[in-house]
Amino acid sequence: MMRVVFPASPGRAARAGAGLALLAALGGCGGSSVTPLTFDLAALPGQPRAGGTARSLVVSEPVGLQPMEADRIIVRERGGSLSFLGGGQWADRLPRLIQTRIIQSLENSGRLRSVSRPGDKVPSEYQLVSEIREFDIDSGSGEAVVDLSAKLIAEGSGRVVNARVFTARVPVPKVDPQTAATGLDAALSQVLGDLVRWVNAGR
């Protein structure tokens, strides 16, 4: 496994755990080079409608440190440095993939009038902005870690209505692409569940 190491980032001790679902792997197709396995993250499944809030929400693409902006699976080494796990990649850039799964999970909850992206130009009452603080395999603890901070902002006034940090940790028995992707998918699932309940409970 080839790893590209990044310097350790100070002050990023928060941990998050949420469940994601591993999608599919793409095999090599001719030639001598090995094609990395490609993994997806799952949205929460649809749920029966139970009294919608009649609110509209726009979901911005999460921000994160430079390594989080790529489509690679990240490993946090014992010394705190970050590296890319060879042989595996996400189906899209991580921030865009997480944004899509947040939107789909909120839509599937059936509680909001509309959920959109900023570029959709759909009128909304609130904006959800978030930061990927951690989305990696902690090699020291043997866990998949997801840490996402989120803010609900009132459109027009720009007032922060509510803010929260969502974290989850899921044990992984080993560090390889499929095990890592499965663990991170499971951790994200937990975070998405907490995030959707938080958004739907807001006023």
C-alpha atoms as a PDB file:
ATOM      1  CA  MET A   1       0.000   0.000   0.000  1.00  0.00           C
ATOM      2  CA  MET A   2       1.436   3.349  -1.045  1.00  0.00           C
ATOM      3  CA  ARG A   3       0.739   6.206   1.334  1.00  0.00           C
ATOM      4  CA  VAL A   4       1.304   9.935   0.835  1.00  0.00           C
ATOM      5  CA  VAL A   5       1.962  11.430   4.253  1.00  0.00           C
ATOM      6  CA  PHE A   6       0.774  14.883   5.342  1.00  0.00           C
ATOM      7  CA  PRO A   7       2.004  16.778   8.415  1.00  0.00           C
ATOM      8  CA  ALA A   8       0.025  16.386  11.617  1.00  0.00           C
ATOM      9  CA  SER A   9      -2.680  18.993  12.202  1.00  0.00           C
ATOM     10  CA  PRO A  10      -2.694  20.389  15.776  1.00  0.00           C
ATOM     11  CA  GLY A  11      -5.918  20.733  17.708  1.00  0.00           C
ATOM     12  CA  ARG A  12      -7.998  18.152  15.832  1.00  0.00           C
ATOM     13  CA  ALA A  13      -8.729  15.748  18.678  1.00  0.00           C
ATOM     14  CA  ALA A  14     -12.520  15.634  18.240  1.00  0.00           C
ATOM     15  CA  ARG A  15     -13.792  12.270  17.084  1.00  0.00           C
ATOM     16  CA  ALA A  16     -16.955  11.397  15.210  1.00  0.00           C
ATOM     17  CA  GLY A  17     -18.706   8.140  14.481  1.00  0.00           C
ATOM     18  CA  ALA A  18     -21.426   7.483  11.983  1.00  0.00           C
ATOM     19  CA  GLY A  19     -22.512   4.632   9.790  1.00  0.00           C
ATOM     20  CA  LEU A  20     -21.966   4.564   6.051  1.00  0.00           C
ATOM     21  CA  ALA A  21     -22.764   1.888   3.529  1.00  0.00           C
ATOM     22  CA  LEU A  22     -20.116   0.393   1.283  1.00  0.00           C
ATOM     23  CA  LEU A  23     -21.276   0.466  -2.310  1.00  0.00           C
ATOM     24  CA  ALA A  24     -19.248  -1.293  -4.988  1.00  0.00           C
ATOM     25  CA  ALA A  25     -15.735  -1.943  -6.181  1.00  0.00           C
ATOM     26  CA  LEU A  26     -14.398  -1.402  -9.660  1.00  0.00           C
ATOM     27  CA  GLY A  27     -11.890  -3.962 -10.861  1.00  0.00           C
ATOM     28  CA  GLY A  28      -8.977  -3.427 -13.206  1.00  0.00           C
ATOM     29  CA  CYS A  29      -9.722  -3.627 -16.899  1.00  0.00           C
ATOM     30  CA  GLY A  30      -6.744  -4.801 -18.909  1.00  0.00           C
ATOM     31  CA  GLY A  31      -3.232  -3.457 -18.577  1.00  0.00           C
ATOM     32  CA  SER A  32      -0.731  -4.000 -15.829  1.00  0.00           C
ATOM     33  CA  SER A  33      -1.736  -1.160 -13.476  1.00  0.00           C
ATOM     34  CA  VAL A  34      -4.167  -1.933 -10.669  1.00  0.00           C
ATOM     35  CA  THR A  35      -7.358   0.130 -10.599  1.00  0.00           C
ATOM     36  CA  PRO A  36      -8.204   1.322  -7.058  1.00  0.00           C
ATOM     37  CA  LEU A  37     -11.403  -0.041  -5.548  1.00  0.00           C
ATOM     38  CA  THR A  38     -14.118   2.630  -5.580  1.00  0.00           C
ATOM     39  CA  PHE A  39     -16.473   2.943  -2.614  1.00  0.00           C
ATOM     40  CA  ASP A  40     -19.635   4.937  -1.998  1.00  0.00           C
ATOM     41  CA  LEU A  41     -21.259   6.289   1.169  1.00  0.00           C
ATOM     42  CA  ALA A  42     -24.948   5.630   1.865  1.00  0.00           C
ATOM     43  CA  ALA A  43     -27.752   8.021   2.722  1.00  0.00           C
ATOM     44  CA  LEU A  44     -30.237   7.112   5.432  1.00  0.00           C
ATOM     45  CA  PRO A  45     -33.221   5.171   4.054  1.00  0.00           C
ATOM     46  CA  GLY A  46     -36.636   6.741   3.580  1.00  0.00           C
ATOM     47  CA  GLN A  47     -38.974   6.941   6.551  1.00  0.00           C
ATOM     48  CA  PRO A  48     -42.739   7.416   6.869  1.00  0.00           C
ATOM     49  CA  ARG A  49     -43.733  11.088   7.027  1.00  0.00           C
ATOM     50  CA  ALA A  50     -44.576  12.142  10.566  1.00  0.00           C
ATOM     51  CA  GLY A  51     -45.656  15.765  10.606  1.00  0.00           C
ATOM     52  CA  GLY A  52     -43.316  17.821   8.456  1.00  0.00           C
ATOM     53  CA  THR A  53     -41.944  21.123   9.709  1.00  0.00           C
ATOM     54  CA  ALA A  54     -42.801  22.887   6.421  1.00  0.00           C
ATOM     55  CA  ARG A  55     -39.333  24.443   6.455  1.00  0.00           C
ATOM     56  CA  SER A  56     -37.007  24.766   3.472  1.00  0.00           C
ATOM     57  CA  LEU A  57     -33.259  24.202   3.752  1.00  0.00           C
ATOM     58  CA  VAL A  58     -30.237  24.688   1.522  1.00  0.00           C
ATOM     59  CA  VAL A  59     -27.226  22.455   2.240  1.00  0.00           C
ATOM     60  CA  SER A  60     -23.782  23.864   1.443  1.00  0.00           C
ATOM     61  CA  GLU A  61     -20.842  21.646   0.523  1.00  0.00           C
ATOM     62  CA  PRO A  62     -18.833  20.885   3.675  1.00  0.00           C
ATOM     63  CA  VAL A  63     -15.374  22.413   3.985  1.00  0.00           C
ATOM     64  CA  GLY A  64     -12.276  20.677   5.317  1.00  0.00           C
ATOM     65  CA  LEU A  65      -8.505  20.600   5.350  1.00  0.00           C
ATOM     66  CA  GLN A  66      -6.786  19.942   2.018  1.00  0.00           C
ATOM     67  CA  PRO A  67      -6.478  16.140   2.455  1.00  0.00           C
ATOM     68  CA  MET A  68     -10.252  15.970   3.077  1.00  0.00           C
ATOM     69  CA  GLU A  69     -10.929  17.733  -0.239  1.00  0.00           C
ATOM     70  CA  ALA A  70      -9.804  14.715  -2.272  1.00  0.00           C
ATOM     71  CA  ASP A  71     -11.478  11.396  -3.087  1.00  0.00           C
ATOM     72  CA  ARG A  72      -8.975   9.327  -1.119  1.00  0.00           C
ATOM     73  CA  ILE A  73      -9.403   7.266   2.052  1.00  0.00           C
ATOM     74  CA  ILE A  74      -7.344   8.807   4.860  1.00  0.00           C
ATOM     75  CA  VAL A  75      -5.418   7.085   7.654  1.00  0.00           C
ATOM     76  CA  ARG A  76      -4.347   8.961  10.784  1.00  0.00           C
ATOM     77  CA  GLU A  77      -1.039   7.527  11.971  1.00  0.00           C
ATOM     78  CA  ARG A  78      -0.049   7.164  15.636  1.00  0.00           C
ATOM     79  CA  GLY A  79       2.084  10.311  15.470  1.00  0.00           C
ATOM     80  CA  GLY A  80      -0.829  12.371  14.120  1.00  0.00           C
ATOM     81  CA  SER A  81       0.257  12.545  10.474  1.00  0.00           C
ATOM     82  CA  LEU A  82      -2.273  11.835   7.716  1.00  0.00           C
ATOM     83  CA  SER A  83      -1.743   9.469   4.808  1.00  0.00           C
ATOM     84  CA  PHE A  84      -3.741   8.218   1.848  1.00  0.00           C
ATOM     85  CA  LEU A  85      -4.646   4.533   1.955  1.00  0.00           C
ATOM     86  CA  GLY A  86      -3.523   2.925  -1.289  1.00  0.00           C
ATOM     87  CA  GLY A  87      -5.866   0.738  -3.327  1.00  0.00           C
ATOM     88  CA  GLY A  88      -9.108   2.545  -2.507  1.00  0.00           C
ATOM     89  CA  GLN A  89     -10.950   5.757  -3.276  1.00  0.00           C
ATOM     90  CA  TRP A  90     -14.383   7.352  -2.837  1.00  0.00           C
ATOM     91  CA  ALA A  91     -16.865   7.629  -5.699  1.00  0.00           C
ATOM     92  CA  ASP A  92     -16.514  11.439  -5.656  1.00  0.00           C
ATOM     93  CA  ARG A  93     -14.664  14.181  -3.803  1.00  0.00           C
ATOM     94  CA  LEU A  94     -15.402  13.566  -0.124  1.00  0.00           C
ATOM     95  CA  PRO A  95     -17.077  16.965   0.595  1.00  0.00           C
ATOM     96  CA  ARG A  96     -19.394  16.665  -2.402  1.00  0.00           C
ATOM     97  CA  LEU A  97     -20.206  13.042  -1.569  1.00  0.00           C
ATOM     98  CA  ILE A  98     -21.079  13.905   2.041  1.00  0.00           C
ATOM     99  CA  GLN A  99     -23.167  16.900   0.891  1.00  0.00           C
ATOM    100  CA  THR A 100     -25.165  14.616  -1.415  1.00  0.00           C
ATOM    101  CA  ARG A 101     -25.801  12.052   1.328  1.00  0.00           C
ATOM    102  CA  ILE A 102     -26.865  14.775   3.799  1.00  0.00           C
ATOM    103  CA  ILE A 103     -29.362  16.126   1.256  1.00  0.00           C
ATOM    104  CA  GLN A 104     -30.714  12.676   0.453  1.00  0.00           C
ATOM    105  CA  SER A 105     -30.997  11.722   4.132  1.00  0.00           C
ATOM    106  CA  LEU A 106     -32.933  14.919   4.926  1.00  0.00           C
ATOM    107  CA  GLU A 107     -35.183  14.384   1.915  1.00  0.00           C
ATOM    108  CA  ASN A 108     -35.775  10.767   2.900  1.00  0.00           C
ATOM    109  CA  SER A 109     -36.896  11.835   6.375  1.00  0.00           C
ATOM    110  CA  GLY A 110     -39.943  13.452   4.782  1.00  0.00           C
ATOM    111  CA  ARG A 111     -39.992  16.269   7.342  1.00  0.00           C
ATOM    112  CA  LEU A 112     -38.927  19.288   5.267  1.00  0.00           C
ATOM    113  CA  ARG A 113     -40.707  21.184   2.505  1.00  0.00           C
ATOM    114  CA  SER A 114     -37.572  21.306   0.358  1.00  0.00           C
ATOM    115  CA  VAL A 115     -33.858  20.471   0.565  1.00  0.00           C
ATOM    116  CA  SER A 116     -31.524  21.898  -2.077  1.00  0.00           C
ATOM    117  CA  ARG A 117     -27.987  22.977  -2.974  1.00  0.00           C
ATOM    118  CA  PRO A 118     -26.924  26.648  -3.172  1.00  0.00           C
ATOM    119  CA  GLY A 119     -26.659  26.413  -6.958  1.00  0.00           C
ATOM    120  CA  ASP A 120     -30.273  25.230  -7.288  1.00  0.00           C
ATOM    121  CA  LYS A 121     -31.487  28.776  -6.520  1.00  0.00           C
ATOM    122  CA  VAL A 122     -34.440  27.425  -4.545  1.00  0.00           C
ATOM    123  CA  PRO A 123     -35.755  29.930  -1.958  1.00  0.00           C
ATOM    124  CA  SER A 124     -34.970  28.692   1.539  1.00  0.00           C
ATOM    125  CA  GLU A 125     -35.390  29.781   5.136  1.00  0.00           C
ATOM    126  CA  TYR A 126     -32.231  28.194   6.499  1.00  0.00           C
ATOM    127  CA  GLN A 127     -28.779  27.212   5.328  1.00  0.00           C
ATOM    128  CA  LEU A 128     -26.858  24.236   6.716  1.00  0.00           C
ATOM    129  CA  VAL A 129     -23.101  24.809   6.676  1.00  0.00           C
ATOM    130  CA  SER A 130     -20.655  22.204   7.938  1.00  0.00           C
ATOM    131  CA  GLU A 131     -16.992  21.332   8.340  1.00  0.00           C
ATOM    132  CA  ILE A 132     -15.379  17.907   8.024  1.00  0.00           C
ATOM    133  CA  ARG A 133     -13.136  17.950  11.081  1.00  0.00           C
ATOM    134  CA  GLU A 134     -12.197  14.308  10.773  1.00  0.00           C
ATOM    135  CA  PHE A 135     -13.054  11.484   8.380  1.00  0.00           C
ATOM    136  CA  ASP A 136     -10.358   8.847   8.645  1.00  0.00           C
ATOM    137  CA  ILE A 137      -9.093   5.590  10.076  1.00  0.00           C
ATOM    138  CA  ASP A 138      -7.277   6.085  13.384  1.00  0.00           C
ATOM    139  CA  SER A 139      -4.509   3.481  13.153  1.00  0.00           C
ATOM    140  CA  GLY A 140      -3.643   3.928  16.823  1.00  0.00           C
ATOM    141  CA  SER A 141      -7.107   3.083  18.197  1.00  0.00           C
ATOM    142  CA  GLY A 142      -8.192   0.879  15.279  1.00  0.00           C
ATOM    143  CA  GLU A 143     -11.358   2.918  14.661  1.00  0.00           C
ATOM    144  CA  ALA A 144     -13.136   4.658  11.805  1.00  0.00           C
ATOM    145  CA  VAL A 145     -13.684   8.242  12.971  1.00  0.00           C
ATOM    146  CA  VAL A 146     -16.146  10.828  11.658  1.00  0.00           C
ATOM    147  CA  ASP A 147     -16.290  14.318  13.144  1.00  0.00           C
ATOM    148  CA  LEU A 148     -18.605  16.883  11.547  1.00  0.00           C
ATOM    149  CA  SER A 149     -19.492  20.330  12.869  1.00  0.00           C
ATOM    150  CA  ALA A 150     -22.716  21.929  11.620  1.00  0.00           C
ATOM    151  CA  LYS A 151     -24.481  25.291  11.855  1.00  0.00           C
ATOM    152  CA  LEU A 152     -28.048  26.250  10.945  1.00  0.00           C
ATOM    153  CA  ILE A 153     -28.081  29.812   9.630  1.00  0.00           C
ATOM    154  CA  ALA A 154     -31.195  31.914   9.012  1.00  0.00           C
ATOM    155  CA  GLU A 155     -31.219  33.154   5.432  1.00  0.00           C
ATOM    156  CA  GLY A 156     -31.413  36.926   5.139  1.00  0.00           C
ATOM    157  CA  SER A 157     -30.235  37.807   8.647  1.00  0.00           C
ATOM    158  CA  GLY A 158     -27.248  35.418   8.679  1.00  0.00           C
ATOM    159  CA  ARG A 159     -27.993  34.624  12.319  1.00  0.00           C
ATOM    160  CA  VAL A 160     -26.706  31.279  13.614  1.00  0.00           C
ATOM    161  CA  VAL A 161     -29.860  29.567  14.872  1.00  0.00           C
ATOM    162  CA  ASN A 162     -28.163  26.465  16.219  1.00  0.00           C
ATOM    163  CA  ALA A 163     -24.776  24.734  16.119  1.00  0.00           C
ATOM    164  CA  ARG A 164     -23.530  21.293  17.070  1.00  0.00           C
ATOM    165  CA  VAL A 165     -20.630  18.887  16.598  1.00  0.00           C
ATOM    166  CA  PHE A 166     -21.480  15.312  15.571  1.00  0.00           C
ATOM    167  CA  THR A 167     -18.962  12.550  16.222  1.00  0.00           C
ATOM    168  CA  ALA A 168     -18.835   8.767  15.958  1.00  0.00           C
ATOM    169  CA  ARG A 169     -16.220   6.027  16.215  1.00  0.00           C
ATOM    170  CA  VAL A 170     -16.590   2.511  14.806  1.00  0.00           C
ATOM    171  CA  PRO A 171     -14.001  -0.263  15.458  1.00  0.00           C
ATOM    172  CA  VAL A 172     -12.255  -1.682  12.392  1.00  0.00           C
ATOM    173  CA  PRO A 173     -10.402  -5.022  12.641  1.00  0.00           C
ATOM    174  CA  LYS A 174      -7.737  -4.069  10.091  1.00  0.00           C
ATOM    175  CA  VAL A 175      -6.668  -1.266   7.797  1.00  0.00           C
ATOM    176  CA  ASP A 176      -7.406  -2.154   4.189  1.00  0.00           C
ATOM    177  CA  PRO A 177      -9.580  -0.332   1.627  1.00  0.00           C
ATOM    178  CA  GLN A 178     -12.771  -2.373   2.012  1.00  0.00           C
ATOM    179  CA  THR A 179     -12.648  -2.584   5.817  1.00  0.00           C
ATOM    180  CA  ALA A 180     -11.836   1.122   6.071  1.00  0.00           C
ATOM    181  CA  ALA A 181     -14.660   2.136   3.722  1.00  0.00           C
ATOM    182  CA  THR A 182     -17.156  -0.095   5.522  1.00  0.00           C
ATOM    183  CA  GLY A 183     -16.177   1.336   8.924  1.00  0.00           C
ATOM    184  CA  LEU A 184     -16.338   4.947   7.736  1.00  0.00           C
ATOM    185  CA  ASP A 185     -19.702   4.279   6.095  1.00  0.00           C
ATOM    186  CA  ALA A 186     -21.033   2.902   9.381  1.00  0.00           C
ATOM    187  CA  ALA A 187     -19.692   5.911  11.292  1.00  0.00           C
ATOM    188  CA  LEU A 188     -21.222   8.376   8.855  1.00  0.00           C
ATOM    189  CA  SER A 189     -24.575   6.607   9.168  1.00  0.00           C
ATOM    190  CA  GLN A 190     -24.596   7.354  12.895  1.00  0.00           C
ATOM    191  CA  VAL A 191     -23.690  10.994  12.276  1.00  0.00           C
ATOM    192  CA  LEU A 192     -26.354  11.364   9.585  1.00  0.00           C
ATOM    193  CA  GLY A 193     -28.969   9.946  11.945  1.00  0.00           C
ATOM    194  CA  ASP A 194     -28.074  12.459  14.665  1.00  0.00           C
ATOM    195  CA  LEU A 195     -27.833  15.322  12.145  1.00  0.00           C
ATOM    196  CA  VAL A 196     -31.247  14.618  10.588  1.00  0.00           C
ATOM    197  CA  ARG A 197     -32.952  14.426  14.006  1.00  0.00           C
ATOM    198  CA  TRP A 198     -31.235  17.683  15.042  1.00  0.00           C
ATOM    199  CA  VAL A 199     -32.290  19.550  11.883  1.00  0.00           C
ATOM    200  CA  ASN A 200     -35.879  18.273  12.052  1.00  0.00           C
ATOM    201  CA  ALA A 201     -36.196  19.176  15.747  1.00  0.00           C
ATOM    202  CA  GLY A 202     -35.041  22.752  15.164  1.00  0.00           C
ATOM    203  CA  ARG A 203     -37.387  25.738  15.245  1.00  0.00           C
END
